[in-house]
Amino acid sequence: MKKNKQFKKIIIKATLFFIILQLLFVVGCSGQKQKHTIDLEFKKGTDGLNFDIIGLLPELYEQSSFKITLNVFNKGAYDLPETNSGFVSLNLEDDYMCLPGGDAENEYCNTEKGNLIFHLGDDSQLRGRSFSNPDGDFEIIEYPILVKKIDQQSFQHDVFVGVTACYRYQTELVSELCIDPTFYEPGQLNKPCSPKDLSFSSQGAPVAITNIEVKMLSYGKNKVKPFLIIHLQNKGNGEVIHKDHVEDVCSSKALSPNTYNTIHLRSIEFLGGKYKFENEYNDVATFVGDAGETLECDFINQNKETRMRDGKAQIRCTAKTPIAAPEYSAMLTQLKVVLDYGYTFTESEKITIKKKGLY
């Protein structure tokens, strides 16, 4: 069955790639008077993982069986890491439904929670959208389910079947930043740029960097320290969780206070890396230091974490040393910001279980 799924995925990817090549050929051969454009900007939108639930019927009879199929898609612009990065959990009401065990005909149920959790990316990495893979990777998951008997006094009973996804994800922003050590000096004309706030909509991930306030803090004549206030917003269909707690959320383990609404700033840099901050972790997910950092950022604890409130957060970063003229003049430089986090969302549907007959 696994081989068949993998073969189907390979065929679909090959077909999509061939279609893109055909479209590019059409664009290249079209007349000059008519413009054709193909959207190859994949780092936009607010999707991450998503799924379709197939096989859920609105009504079922007791002591029957059915199969749920989940099509899990990576609709964002980032790849899931290969190890323990994504999970899907099936949520059943144990009194009325279960997974079959070794003897499905005799309603032998296997209700171990671990059997309801599927590790994403066991066969291959779930990659995000890109030029060669415009729809992103997908994975097919199948759950056979048994429907138990309902109470003798009931003619029918409503239950809910839920599916929860928990996964690690990333947001990356690359933009242009204007720095100007002579910002406070009057009479400076014909500058190539002027420091200004930056606004954005999305970066192809559920957590978006929406805007960056840009300030030049004066530190003497022709000396400034760039000061950035990075605004974040959860624009996706679920909740932000700690990047190291994704399995805990899907397995209903005891959760720590920082499980929800925790984001890590992985890195920020400009001026070709001369000014940078890097958030690095060792094997036990503990912050290991700031050697070589030339930007200082504010966080809520020593693990360099940021908390979201009402779906929003701010990260403030200041240069440790001033930028001075004449070494630097007003100029545009590339700014890169990378965020790490986990994400979770749940979808559920109602099913009515009916008796086979009247008693």
Protein backbone atom coordinates (compact mmCIF):
# COMPACT_ATOMS: atom_id res chain seq x y z
CA MET A 1 0.00 0.00 0.00
CA LYS A 2 2.87 2.40 0.89
CA LYS A 3 4.54 1.74 -2.46
CA ASN A 4 1.30 2.51 -4.30
CA LYS A 5 0.93 5.80 -2.42
CA GLN A 6 4.51 6.79 -3.20
CA PHE A 7 4.05 5.88 -6.87
CA LYS A 8 0.89 8.02 -7.08
CA LYS A 9 2.70 10.99 -5.54
CA ILE A 10 5.59 10.67 -8.01
CA ILE A 11 3.18 10.54 -10.97
CA ILE A 12 1.26 13.62 -9.75
CA LYS A 13 4.46 15.63 -9.18
CA ALA A 14 5.81 14.70 -12.61
CA THR A 15 2.52 15.74 -14.23
CA LEU A 16 2.50 19.11 -12.44
CA PHE A 17 6.09 19.81 -13.44
CA PHE A 18 5.31 18.97 -17.09
CA ILE A 19 2.32 21.35 -17.03
CA ILE A 20 4.52 24.19 -15.73
CA LEU A 21 7.05 23.61 -18.50
CA GLN A 22 4.25 23.73 -21.07
CA LEU A 23 2.97 27.01 -19.63
CA LEU A 24 6.43 28.54 -19.74
CA PHE A 25 6.75 27.44 -23.38
CA VAL A 26 3.41 29.09 -24.22
CA VAL A 27 4.53 32.33 -22.54
CA GLY A 28 7.81 32.34 -24.45
CA CYS A 29 6.12 31.74 -27.80
CA SER A 30 3.21 34.16 -27.41
CA GLY A 31 3.02 37.41 -29.34
CA GLN A 32 4.53 40.59 -27.98
CA LYS A 33 1.20 42.40 -27.91
CA GLN A 34 -0.32 39.99 -25.40
CA LYS A 35 1.18 39.60 -21.94
CA HIS A 36 1.11 36.28 -20.10
CA THR A 37 2.32 35.99 -16.52
CA ILE A 38 2.78 33.00 -14.26
CA ASP A 39 2.74 33.54 -10.50
CA LEU A 40 5.97 32.01 -9.21
CA GLU A 41 6.02 33.97 -5.94
CA PHE A 42 5.51 31.16 -3.46
CA LYS A 43 6.37 32.99 -0.23
CA LYS A 44 2.98 34.58 0.16
CA GLY A 45 -0.31 33.51 1.70
CA THR A 46 -1.04 32.31 5.24
CA ASP A 47 -1.33 28.54 4.78
CA GLY A 48 0.86 25.88 6.34
CA LEU A 49 -0.42 22.33 6.56
CA ASN A 50 -4.00 21.60 5.59
CA PHE A 51 -6.03 18.45 5.07
CA ASP A 52 -9.17 17.07 3.47
CA ILE A 53 -11.24 14.48 5.36
CA ILE A 54 -12.75 11.87 3.05
CA GLY A 55 -15.11 9.05 3.98
CA LEU A 56 -17.11 10.59 6.82
CA LEU A 57 -20.82 9.98 6.25
CA PRO A 58 -23.46 12.00 8.12
CA GLU A 59 -25.21 8.79 9.26
CA LEU A 60 -23.87 5.35 10.17
CA TYR A 61 -25.33 2.23 11.75
CA GLU A 62 -24.09 0.69 14.96
CA GLN A 63 -21.79 -2.35 14.74
CA SER A 64 -20.56 -1.28 11.30
CA SER A 65 -17.20 -0.14 10.01
CA PHE A 66 -15.90 2.57 7.71
CA LYS A 67 -12.62 4.16 6.65
CA ILE A 68 -11.42 7.74 6.99
CA THR A 69 -8.89 8.99 4.47
CA LEU A 70 -6.90 12.14 5.16
CA ASN A 71 -5.15 14.00 2.39
CA VAL A 72 -2.56 16.15 4.18
CA PHE A 73 -1.11 19.02 2.12
CA ASN A 74 1.78 21.37 2.75
CA LYS A 75 0.31 24.55 1.26
CA GLY A 76 2.94 26.88 2.70
CA ALA A 77 6.35 27.85 1.37
CA TYR A 78 8.47 25.93 3.89
CA ASP A 79 9.54 22.32 4.26
CA LEU A 80 8.76 20.29 7.35
CA PRO A 81 11.97 19.09 9.03
CA GLU A 82 12.50 15.37 8.56
CA THR A 83 12.46 14.18 12.20
CA ASN A 84 9.50 14.47 14.62
CA SER A 85 8.25 17.60 12.91
CA GLY A 86 4.63 16.78 12.12
CA PHE A 87 1.82 14.68 13.57
CA VAL A 88 -1.84 14.00 12.86
CA SER A 89 -4.08 12.80 15.68
CA LEU A 90 -7.50 11.19 15.25
CA ASN A 91 -9.95 12.05 18.05
CA LEU A 92 -12.74 9.51 18.62
CA GLU A 93 -15.39 9.18 21.32
CA ASP A 94 -14.23 5.91 22.88
CA ASP A 95 -17.70 4.82 23.97
CA TYR A 96 -18.94 4.77 20.39
CA MET A 97 -15.98 4.35 18.03
CA CYS A 98 -12.55 2.76 17.99
CA LEU A 99 -9.75 1.46 15.80
CA PRO A 100 -9.97 -2.25 15.04
CA GLY A 101 -7.47 -4.57 16.67
CA GLY A 102 -6.50 -8.05 15.54
CA ASP A 103 -10.08 -9.29 15.17
CA ALA A 104 -12.24 -6.63 13.61
CA GLU A 105 -15.20 -8.96 13.04
CA ASN A 106 -15.59 -9.46 16.78
CA GLU A 107 -15.25 -5.74 17.48
CA TYR A 108 -11.88 -6.08 19.13
CA CYS A 109 -10.86 -2.46 19.71
CA ASN A 110 -7.41 -1.01 20.02
CA THR A 111 -7.87 2.25 21.91
CA GLU A 112 -4.22 3.02 22.63
CA LYS A 113 -3.72 6.74 22.05
CA GLY A 114 -0.44 6.09 20.25
CA ASN A 115 -2.27 4.20 17.52
CA LEU A 116 -4.38 7.27 16.76
CA ILE A 117 -1.29 9.40 16.04
CA PHE A 118 0.36 9.36 12.64
CA HIS A 119 3.91 10.68 12.12
CA LEU A 120 4.04 12.85 9.02
CA GLY A 121 7.00 12.50 6.72
CA ASP A 122 7.95 8.92 7.67
CA ASP A 123 8.25 7.99 3.99
CA SER A 124 9.51 11.31 2.67
CA GLN A 125 9.85 14.92 3.74
CA LEU A 126 6.73 17.08 3.31
CA ARG A 127 8.10 19.92 1.24
CA GLY A 128 6.41 23.28 0.75
CA ARG A 129 5.46 25.02 -2.48
CA SER A 130 8.25 25.82 -4.91
CA PHE A 131 8.86 26.24 -8.65
CA SER A 132 9.29 22.49 -9.21
CA ASN A 133 6.46 21.64 -6.80
CA PRO A 134 3.87 24.45 -7.05
CA ASP A 135 1.21 22.68 -4.99
CA GLY A 136 3.56 21.41 -2.26
CA ASP A 137 3.91 17.82 -1.05
CA PHE A 138 1.02 15.77 0.28
CA GLU A 139 0.59 12.58 2.26
CA ILE A 140 -2.31 10.10 2.41
CA ILE A 141 -3.37 8.63 5.76
CA GLU A 142 -6.04 5.95 6.21
CA TYR A 143 -7.84 5.00 9.42
CA PRO A 144 -10.22 1.98 9.56
CA ILE A 145 -12.84 2.61 12.26
CA LEU A 146 -15.37 0.40 14.05
CA VAL A 147 -18.74 1.72 15.21
CA LYS A 148 -19.85 0.23 18.54
CA LYS A 149 -23.36 -0.55 19.77
CA ILE A 150 -25.30 2.35 21.20
CA ASP A 151 -27.47 2.24 24.31
CA GLN A 152 -30.54 0.03 24.13
CA GLN A 153 -32.73 2.95 25.18
CA SER A 154 -31.48 5.11 22.28
CA PHE A 155 -32.59 5.03 18.67
CA GLN A 156 -29.62 7.15 17.61
CA HIS A 157 -26.67 9.03 19.05
CA ASP A 158 -24.61 11.97 17.76
CA VAL A 159 -20.82 11.81 18.01
CA PHE A 160 -17.97 13.99 16.82
CA VAL A 161 -14.91 12.80 14.92
CA GLY A 162 -11.99 15.21 15.08
CA VAL A 163 -8.63 15.42 13.38
CA THR A 164 -5.79 17.50 14.82
CA ALA A 165 -2.56 18.44 13.06
CA CYS A 166 0.55 19.55 14.99
CA TYR A 167 3.71 20.54 13.16
CA ARG A 168 6.86 22.65 13.16
CA TYR A 169 7.03 25.51 10.73
CA GLN A 170 9.00 28.60 9.79
CA THR A 171 8.49 32.12 8.50
CA GLU A 172 11.20 33.89 6.52
CA LEU A 173 11.18 37.51 5.39
CA VAL A 174 13.71 39.08 3.02
CA SER A 175 13.34 42.79 2.33
CA GLU A 176 15.30 46.01 1.88
CA LEU A 177 16.23 48.19 4.86
CA CYS A 178 17.50 51.76 4.67
CA ILE A 179 20.15 52.78 7.21
CA ASP A 180 21.47 56.32 7.51
CA PRO A 181 24.17 57.40 10.00
CA THR A 182 23.61 61.05 8.95
CA PHE A 183 19.85 60.85 9.58
CA TYR A 184 19.90 63.69 12.17
CA GLU A 185 22.27 65.98 10.25
CA PRO A 186 20.51 68.86 8.46
CA GLY A 187 21.38 69.85 4.95
CA GLN A 188 22.07 66.35 3.65
CA LEU A 189 20.52 66.18 0.18
CA ASN A 190 20.19 63.63 -2.60
CA LYS A 191 20.39 60.60 -0.34
CA PRO A 192 19.69 57.27 -2.06
CA CYS A 193 17.12 56.37 0.61
CA SER A 194 15.51 57.44 3.85
CA PRO A 195 14.76 55.11 6.80
CA LYS A 196 11.06 54.27 6.90
CA ASP A 197 8.72 51.67 8.37
CA LEU A 198 8.14 48.53 6.33
CA SER A 199 4.75 46.85 5.77
CA PHE A 200 4.01 43.29 4.61
CA SER A 201 0.99 41.03 4.23
CA SER A 202 2.31 37.44 4.44
CA GLN A 203 5.29 35.19 3.79
CA GLY A 204 3.70 31.86 2.85
CA ALA A 205 3.18 30.69 6.45
CA PRO A 206 0.48 30.97 9.16
CA VAL A 207 2.55 33.41 11.26
CA ALA A 208 3.23 36.61 9.34
CA ILE A 209 5.62 39.50 9.85
CA THR A 210 3.16 42.33 9.21
CA ASN A 211 5.38 45.37 9.65
CA ILE A 212 8.75 46.53 10.96
CA GLU A 213 9.20 49.90 12.63
CA VAL A 214 12.59 51.34 11.66
CA LYS A 215 14.30 53.86 13.96
CA MET A 216 17.76 55.43 13.88
CA LEU A 217 18.83 56.11 17.50
CA SER A 218 21.34 58.96 17.67
CA TYR A 219 24.69 58.21 19.36
CA GLY A 220 26.59 61.39 18.51
CA LYS A 221 27.44 63.24 15.33
CA ASN A 222 26.86 61.00 12.29
CA LYS A 223 26.42 57.93 14.49
CA VAL A 224 23.22 55.90 14.87
CA LYS A 225 22.12 52.56 16.24
CA PRO A 226 19.40 50.97 14.05
CA PHE A 227 16.44 49.97 16.22
CA LEU A 228 13.82 47.60 14.75
CA ILE A 229 10.40 46.68 16.16
CA ILE A 230 9.19 43.54 14.37
CA HIS A 231 5.41 42.99 14.50
CA LEU A 232 4.11 39.41 14.23
CA GLN A 233 0.56 38.13 13.73
CA ASN A 234 -1.06 34.70 13.66
CA LYS A 235 -3.01 34.81 10.39
CA GLY A 236 -3.56 31.06 10.01
CA ASN A 237 -6.42 28.71 10.87
CA GLY A 238 -5.07 27.48 14.21
CA GLU A 239 -2.87 28.22 17.21
CA VAL A 240 0.83 28.87 17.66
CA ILE A 241 2.65 26.34 19.85
CA HIS A 242 6.21 25.85 21.06
CA LYS A 243 8.37 24.34 18.31
CA ASP A 244 9.57 21.55 20.65
CA HIS A 245 6.08 20.60 21.93
CA VAL A 246 4.29 19.60 18.72
CA GLU A 247 4.13 15.90 19.61
CA ASP A 248 2.94 16.67 23.15
CA VAL A 249 -0.03 18.67 21.86
CA CYS A 250 -1.15 15.92 19.49
CA SER A 251 -0.67 13.13 22.05
CA SER A 252 -2.57 14.84 24.91
CA LYS A 253 0.47 14.77 27.21
CA ALA A 254 0.79 17.14 30.13
CA LEU A 255 1.65 20.56 28.72
CA SER A 256 3.93 23.22 30.16
CA PRO A 257 2.83 26.86 30.57
CA ASN A 258 4.88 27.95 27.54
CA THR A 259 3.41 25.35 25.15
CA TYR A 260 0.97 27.75 23.51
CA ASN A 261 1.73 31.12 21.88
CA THR A 262 5.53 30.75 21.99
CA ILE A 263 7.70 31.83 19.05
CA HIS A 264 11.47 31.79 18.58
CA LEU A 265 13.34 34.36 16.56
CA ARG A 266 15.87 32.14 14.80
CA SER A 267 17.84 34.95 13.20
CA ILE A 268 17.87 38.52 11.98
CA GLU A 269 20.65 40.15 9.99
CA PHE A 270 21.50 43.07 7.73
CA LEU A 271 24.59 44.72 6.23
CA GLY A 272 25.73 41.35 4.91
CA GLY A 273 25.68 39.77 8.37
CA LYS A 274 27.78 42.50 10.04
CA TYR A 275 24.75 43.13 12.23
CA LYS A 276 23.05 39.91 13.25
CA PHE A 277 21.33 37.87 15.94
CA GLU A 278 21.23 34.06 15.85
CA ASN A 279 19.17 31.87 18.19
CA GLU A 280 20.93 28.50 18.40
CA TYR A 281 20.01 25.48 20.49
CA ASN A 282 21.79 22.36 21.63
CA ASP A 283 20.36 18.81 21.77
CA VAL A 284 18.15 19.58 24.79
CA ALA A 285 16.69 22.74 23.23
CA THR A 286 18.54 25.09 25.61
CA PHE A 287 19.92 28.40 24.42
CA VAL A 288 23.69 28.03 24.07
CA GLY A 289 24.91 31.59 23.84
CA ASP A 290 25.25 34.75 21.82
CA ALA A 291 28.89 34.69 20.73
CA GLY A 292 29.48 37.04 17.83
CA GLU A 293 26.04 38.68 17.97
CA THR A 294 25.98 42.34 17.03
CA LEU A 295 22.23 42.83 17.54
CA GLU A 296 20.56 42.73 20.94
CA CYS A 297 16.92 41.59 21.01
CA ASP A 298 14.42 41.59 23.89
CA PHE A 299 12.79 38.31 24.98
CA ILE A 300 10.69 37.07 27.90
CA ASN A 301 13.25 34.60 29.29
CA GLN A 302 16.80 33.25 28.98
CA ASN A 303 15.67 30.77 26.30
CA LYS A 304 15.10 33.71 23.99
CA GLU A 305 11.34 33.14 23.60
CA THR A 306 8.59 35.52 22.50
CA ARG A 307 4.97 35.19 23.63
CA MET A 308 1.96 36.07 21.50
CA ARG A 309 -1.06 37.79 23.06
CA ASP A 310 -4.35 37.86 21.20
CA GLY A 311 -2.53 36.49 18.16
CA LYS A 312 0.09 39.25 18.04
CA ALA A 313 3.63 39.87 19.29
CA GLN A 314 6.56 42.26 18.98
CA ILE A 315 10.31 41.66 18.92
CA ARG A 316 12.63 44.63 19.51
CA CYS A 317 16.22 44.51 18.27
CA THR A 318 18.94 47.17 18.61
CA ALA A 319 22.45 47.33 17.19
CA LYS A 320 25.08 46.87 19.91
CA THR A 321 27.49 49.30 18.27
CA PRO A 322 26.71 52.44 16.28
CA ILE A 323 26.91 52.71 12.51
CA ALA A 324 29.03 55.74 11.71
CA ALA A 325 29.91 57.99 8.79
CA PRO A 326 32.06 58.20 6.73
CA GLU A 327 32.47 54.41 6.89
CA TYR A 328 28.78 54.13 6.03
CA SER A 329 26.45 56.54 4.30
CA ALA A 330 22.72 56.33 3.68
CA MET A 331 22.21 53.04 1.88
CA LEU A 332 19.83 50.17 1.19
CA THR A 333 20.82 46.80 2.61
CA GLN A 334 19.16 43.39 2.61
CA LEU A 335 17.27 42.52 5.80
CA LYS A 336 16.50 38.89 6.61
CA VAL A 337 14.30 37.67 9.49
CA VAL A 338 13.58 33.99 10.28
CA LEU A 339 11.03 32.71 12.84
CA ASP A 340 10.66 29.18 14.25
CA TYR A 341 7.45 27.90 15.87
CA GLY A 342 4.96 25.08 16.04
CA TYR A 343 1.37 25.19 14.82
CA THR A 344 -1.80 23.21 15.47
CA PHE A 345 -5.39 23.18 14.24
CA THR A 346 -8.38 20.85 14.54
CA GLU A 347 -11.32 20.04 12.29
CA SER A 348 -14.31 17.99 13.43
CA GLU A 349 -17.52 16.67 11.93
CA LYS A 350 -20.71 15.33 13.48
CA ILE A 351 -21.93 11.81 12.73
CA THR A 352 -25.25 10.27 13.74
CA ILE A 353 -25.09 6.60 14.78
CA LYS A 354 -28.41 4.78 14.31
CA LYS A 355 -29.68 1.47 15.59
CA LYS A 356 -29.94 -1.34 13.10
CA GLY A 357 -33.52 -1.99 14.09
CA LEU A 358 -36.20 -1.03 16.57
CA TYR A 359 -36.18 -2.92 19.87
